[in-house]
Amino acid sequence: MEALNRELAASQTSEHHWHQKAETAQEEVTQLKQVQQQLESQAGEQRKTHSNALSEQQAAWEQRLAQEEQRHEAAEGRLMAMLDSAQQARAQEEKTFQKRLQQSEQRIEALSQELKAKQQALHTLQLEASQREQQLGEQTQQITSLEKQQQVLTEQLDEAKAALDRQAQQHAEREAALQQAWQEKLWSRMEALQTQLTALPDALSKHNSKPGQ
C-alpha cells in the first residue's frame, strides 16, 4: 500500500511537470503565431509601399519626359538616357525588393515549420499528459479497491476474533461447569466415605459381639 501511495505521488508530480511543459510549449506557439502575423503584415506593407513608390516614380519620370520633349526635341537623347537610368534604377530596386521579399517569405516558412514542430510537440505533450492522467486514475482506483479489500479483511478478522473469544468463553464456561460438577461429585463421594468410616466402628463392634466368636 505504501509503495502504491509513493507511486501515486510520483505520478502526480510527473503530471504537474508535463502540464508545465505543455503550457510553456503553448506560449511559444502563440508567440510564433504573433511573429508570423507581424512578418506577413510587414511584407504586405512593403509590397504596397514599393508599388506606390514605383508608380509615383514612373509617373514623375514620364511627366518630366513629356515636359522635356515639349521644351526641346534636341533633349530627346538625354531624356531617353534618363528614362533608361530610371528603368535600371527601378529594375535594381525591384531586384532588391524581391530579395527582401524572398528573405521574408523564407523567414515566414521557417517560422511556419517551427510553429508546426511546436504544435506537434504540444500535441505529444497533451497525449502524454492524458496518458498520465489515465494512469493516475487507474492507480487511484486500484488503491481504492485495495482499501476496500483491507476494510473487508479487517472486518472478517474482527469477526473471527470475536468468534474465537466467544468460543473461548464458552469453553471456559463448560470447563467451569465440569469442574463444578466434578467437585460436587468428589465431595459427595468423600461424604459417603466419611459416613462409612463413621459407621465402621459400630459395624465392627456388632460383628465382634455375635455369639460363637
Protein backbone atom coordinates (compact mmCIF):
# COMPACT_ATOMS: atom_id res chain seq x y z
CA MET A 1 0.00 0.00 0.00
CA GLU A 2 2.83 2.43 0.84
CA ALA A 3 4.51 1.63 -2.48
CA LEU A 4 1.31 2.41 -4.36
CA ASN A 5 0.94 5.68 -2.48
CA ARG A 6 4.53 6.65 -3.34
CA GLU A 7 3.94 5.74 -6.98
CA LEU A 8 0.73 7.79 -6.97
CA ALA A 9 2.58 10.83 -5.53
CA ALA A 10 5.34 10.42 -8.13
CA SER A 11 2.73 10.23 -10.91
CA GLN A 12 1.07 13.41 -9.64
CA THR A 13 4.45 15.23 -9.59
CA SER A 14 5.25 13.98 -13.10
CA GLU A 15 1.83 15.02 -14.32
CA HIS A 16 2.37 18.56 -12.92
CA HIS A 17 5.75 18.68 -14.70
CA TRP A 18 4.19 17.61 -18.03
CA HIS A 19 1.40 20.18 -17.61
CA GLN A 20 4.02 22.94 -17.12
CA LYS A 21 5.89 21.82 -20.24
CA ALA A 22 2.63 21.79 -22.21
CA GLU A 23 1.80 25.33 -21.04
CA THR A 24 5.31 26.56 -22.00
CA ALA A 25 5.01 24.99 -25.45
CA GLN A 26 1.59 26.58 -25.91
CA GLU A 27 3.02 30.01 -25.05
CA GLU A 28 5.85 29.52 -27.56
CA VAL A 29 3.33 28.52 -30.24
CA THR A 30 1.30 31.68 -29.53
CA GLN A 31 4.43 33.87 -29.76
CA LEU A 32 5.45 32.25 -33.04
CA LYS A 33 2.00 32.89 -34.48
CA GLN A 34 2.24 36.54 -33.48
CA VAL A 35 5.70 36.90 -35.09
CA GLN A 36 4.42 35.22 -38.26
CA GLN A 37 1.45 37.58 -38.43
CA GLN A 38 3.73 40.59 -37.92
CA LEU A 39 6.09 39.48 -40.71
CA GLU A 40 3.22 38.84 -43.09
CA SER A 41 1.78 42.27 -42.28
CA GLN A 42 5.18 43.93 -42.81
CA ALA A 43 5.61 42.11 -46.12
CA GLY A 44 2.20 43.33 -47.26
CA GLU A 45 3.02 46.90 -46.28
CA GLN A 46 6.35 46.67 -48.10
CA ARG A 47 4.63 45.44 -51.25
CA LYS A 48 2.10 48.24 -51.09
CA THR A 49 4.72 50.94 -50.36
CA HIS A 50 7.03 49.67 -53.08
CA SER A 51 4.24 49.56 -55.65
CA ASN A 52 3.11 53.08 -54.80
CA ALA A 53 6.68 54.40 -54.91
CA LEU A 54 7.31 52.79 -58.29
CA SER A 55 4.07 54.15 -59.66
CA GLU A 56 4.82 57.64 -58.41
CA GLN A 57 8.36 57.48 -59.71
CA GLN A 58 7.21 56.24 -63.11
CA ALA A 59 4.61 58.97 -63.31
CA ALA A 60 7.19 61.60 -62.36
CA TRP A 61 9.66 60.40 -64.98
CA GLU A 62 7.00 60.25 -67.65
CA GLN A 63 5.84 63.76 -66.78
CA ARG A 64 9.38 65.05 -66.87
CA LEU A 65 9.99 63.33 -70.19
CA ALA A 66 6.91 64.94 -71.68
CA GLN A 67 7.99 68.35 -70.47
CA GLU A 68 11.48 67.92 -71.89
CA GLU A 69 10.06 66.80 -75.24
CA GLN A 70 7.87 69.85 -75.32
CA ARG A 71 10.80 72.15 -74.48
CA HIS A 72 13.22 70.85 -77.00
CA GLU A 73 13.49 67.98 -79.40
CA ALA A 74 17.25 68.01 -79.08
CA ALA A 75 16.95 66.82 -75.48
CA GLU A 76 15.42 63.54 -76.60
CA GLY A 77 18.65 61.60 -76.31
CA ARG A 78 19.29 62.89 -72.81
CA LEU A 79 15.73 62.17 -71.79
CA MET A 80 15.99 58.64 -73.18
CA ALA A 81 19.16 58.17 -71.17
CA MET A 82 17.42 59.47 -68.09
CA LEU A 83 14.50 57.16 -68.73
CA ASP A 84 16.86 54.23 -69.23
CA SER A 85 18.63 55.15 -66.00
CA ALA A 86 15.31 55.34 -64.22
CA GLN A 87 14.31 51.97 -65.59
CA GLN A 88 17.62 50.49 -64.48
CA ALA A 89 17.17 52.04 -61.04
CA ARG A 90 13.67 50.68 -60.95
CA ALA A 91 14.93 47.25 -62.01
CA GLN A 92 17.60 47.38 -59.31
CA GLU A 93 15.09 48.48 -56.74
CA GLU A 94 12.73 45.74 -57.87
CA LYS A 95 15.57 43.22 -57.57
CA THR A 96 16.37 44.45 -54.06
CA PHE A 97 12.71 44.33 -53.10
CA GLN A 98 12.30 40.82 -54.49
CA LYS A 99 15.35 39.74 -52.49
CA ARG A 100 13.93 41.23 -49.28
CA LEU A 101 10.54 39.69 -50.09
CA GLN A 102 12.14 36.30 -50.66
CA GLN A 103 14.00 36.56 -47.36
CA SER A 104 10.75 37.49 -45.60
CA GLU A 105 8.98 34.55 -47.24
CA GLN A 106 11.82 32.24 -46.21
CA ARG A 107 11.59 33.60 -42.68
CA ILE A 108 7.83 33.05 -42.70
CA GLU A 109 8.33 29.50 -43.99
CA ALA A 110 10.91 28.80 -41.30
CA LEU A 111 8.57 30.16 -38.66
CA SER A 112 5.75 28.07 -40.09
CA GLN A 113 7.90 24.94 -39.87
CA GLU A 114 8.93 25.83 -36.33
CA LEU A 115 5.29 26.51 -35.46
CA LYS A 116 4.31 23.15 -36.91
CA ALA A 117 7.03 21.41 -34.88
CA LYS A 118 5.90 23.23 -31.72
CA GLN A 119 2.31 22.22 -32.39
CA GLN A 120 3.36 18.60 -32.86
CA ALA A 121 5.39 18.75 -29.64
CA LEU A 122 2.40 20.29 -27.86
CA HIS A 123 0.16 17.54 -29.18
CA THR A 124 2.64 14.93 -27.97
CA LEU A 125 2.79 16.55 -24.53
CA GLN A 126 -1.00 16.65 -24.38
CA LEU A 127 -1.18 12.95 -25.26
CA GLU A 128 1.42 12.13 -22.60
CA ALA A 129 -0.44 14.24 -20.04
CA SER A 130 -3.67 12.42 -20.95
CA GLN A 131 -1.93 9.06 -20.52
CA ARG A 132 -0.52 10.21 -17.17
CA GLU A 133 -3.99 11.24 -16.06
CA GLN A 134 -5.38 7.86 -17.15
CA GLN A 135 -2.63 6.01 -15.29
CA LEU A 136 -3.24 8.16 -12.23
CA GLY A 137 -6.95 7.35 -12.39
CA GLU A 138 -6.21 3.62 -12.68
CA GLN A 139 -3.81 3.78 -9.73
CA THR A 140 -6.38 5.67 -7.69
CA GLN A 141 -8.99 3.03 -8.49
CA GLN A 142 -6.51 0.30 -7.56
CA ILE A 143 -5.76 1.98 -4.23
CA THR A 144 -9.50 2.39 -3.56
CA SER A 145 -10.05 -1.31 -4.35
CA LEU A 146 -7.18 -2.34 -2.05
CA GLU A 147 -8.53 -0.13 0.72
CA LYS A 148 -11.94 -1.76 0.35
CA GLN A 149 -10.31 -5.21 0.44
CA GLN A 150 -8.36 -4.18 3.52
CA GLN A 151 -11.57 -2.99 5.18
CA VAL A 152 -13.33 -6.30 4.35
CA LEU A 153 -10.38 -8.33 5.65
CA THR A 154 -10.26 -6.21 8.80
CA GLU A 155 -13.96 -6.78 9.40
CA GLN A 156 -13.50 -10.53 8.80
CA LEU A 157 -10.56 -10.57 11.20
CA ASP A 158 -12.58 -8.74 13.84
CA GLU A 159 -15.44 -11.21 13.36
CA ALA A 160 -13.01 -14.15 13.63
CA LYS A 161 -11.52 -12.69 16.83
CA ALA A 162 -14.99 -12.17 18.26
CA ALA A 163 -15.96 -15.74 17.37
CA LEU A 164 -12.75 -17.04 18.95
CA ASP A 165 -13.45 -15.01 22.09
CA ARG A 166 -16.96 -16.47 22.23
CA GLN A 167 -15.63 -19.98 21.76
CA ALA A 168 -13.01 -19.41 24.46
CA GLN A 169 -15.68 -18.05 26.81
CA GLN A 170 -17.98 -20.99 26.07
CA HIS A 171 -15.09 -23.42 26.61
CA ALA A 172 -14.22 -21.71 29.88
CA GLU A 173 -17.86 -21.89 30.98
CA ARG A 174 -18.01 -25.61 30.09
CA GLU A 175 -14.73 -26.24 31.90
CA ALA A 176 -16.03 -24.36 34.91
CA ALA A 177 -19.28 -26.35 34.83
CA LEU A 178 -17.38 -29.64 34.51
CA GLN A 179 -15.04 -28.61 37.32
CA GLN A 180 -18.01 -27.69 39.50
CA ALA A 181 -19.76 -31.00 38.73
CA TRP A 182 -16.56 -32.94 39.38
CA GLN A 183 -16.00 -31.15 42.69
CA GLU A 184 -19.60 -31.77 43.73
CA LYS A 185 -19.27 -35.43 42.80
CA LEU A 186 -15.96 -35.66 44.68
CA TRP A 187 -17.46 -34.05 47.80
CA SER A 188 -20.40 -36.40 47.56
CA ARG A 189 -18.10 -39.42 47.45
CA MET A 190 -16.00 -38.03 50.27
CA GLU A 191 -19.11 -37.54 52.40
CA ALA A 192 -20.21 -41.10 51.61
CA LEU A 193 -16.78 -42.42 52.58
CA GLN A 194 -16.85 -40.30 55.73
CA THR A 195 -20.22 -41.75 56.62
CA GLN A 196 -18.93 -45.27 56.02
CA LEU A 197 -15.87 -44.58 58.13
CA THR A 198 -18.00 -43.19 60.89
CA ALA A 199 -20.25 -46.21 60.81
CA LEU A 200 -17.38 -48.71 60.59
CA PRO A 201 -16.54 -48.91 64.34
CA ASP A 202 -20.16 -49.66 65.19
CA ALA A 203 -20.32 -52.30 62.48
CA LEU A 204 -17.14 -53.91 63.77
CA SER A 205 -18.40 -53.85 67.33
CA LYS A 206 -21.65 -55.52 66.35
CA HIS A 207 -19.78 -58.09 64.34
CA ASN A 208 -17.48 -58.93 67.27
CA SER A 209 -20.30 -59.20 69.68
CA LYS A 210 -22.07 -62.01 67.77
CA PRO A 211 -22.08 -65.49 69.54
CA GLY A 212 -19.55 -68.02 68.61
CA GLN A 213 -16.77 -65.59 68.16
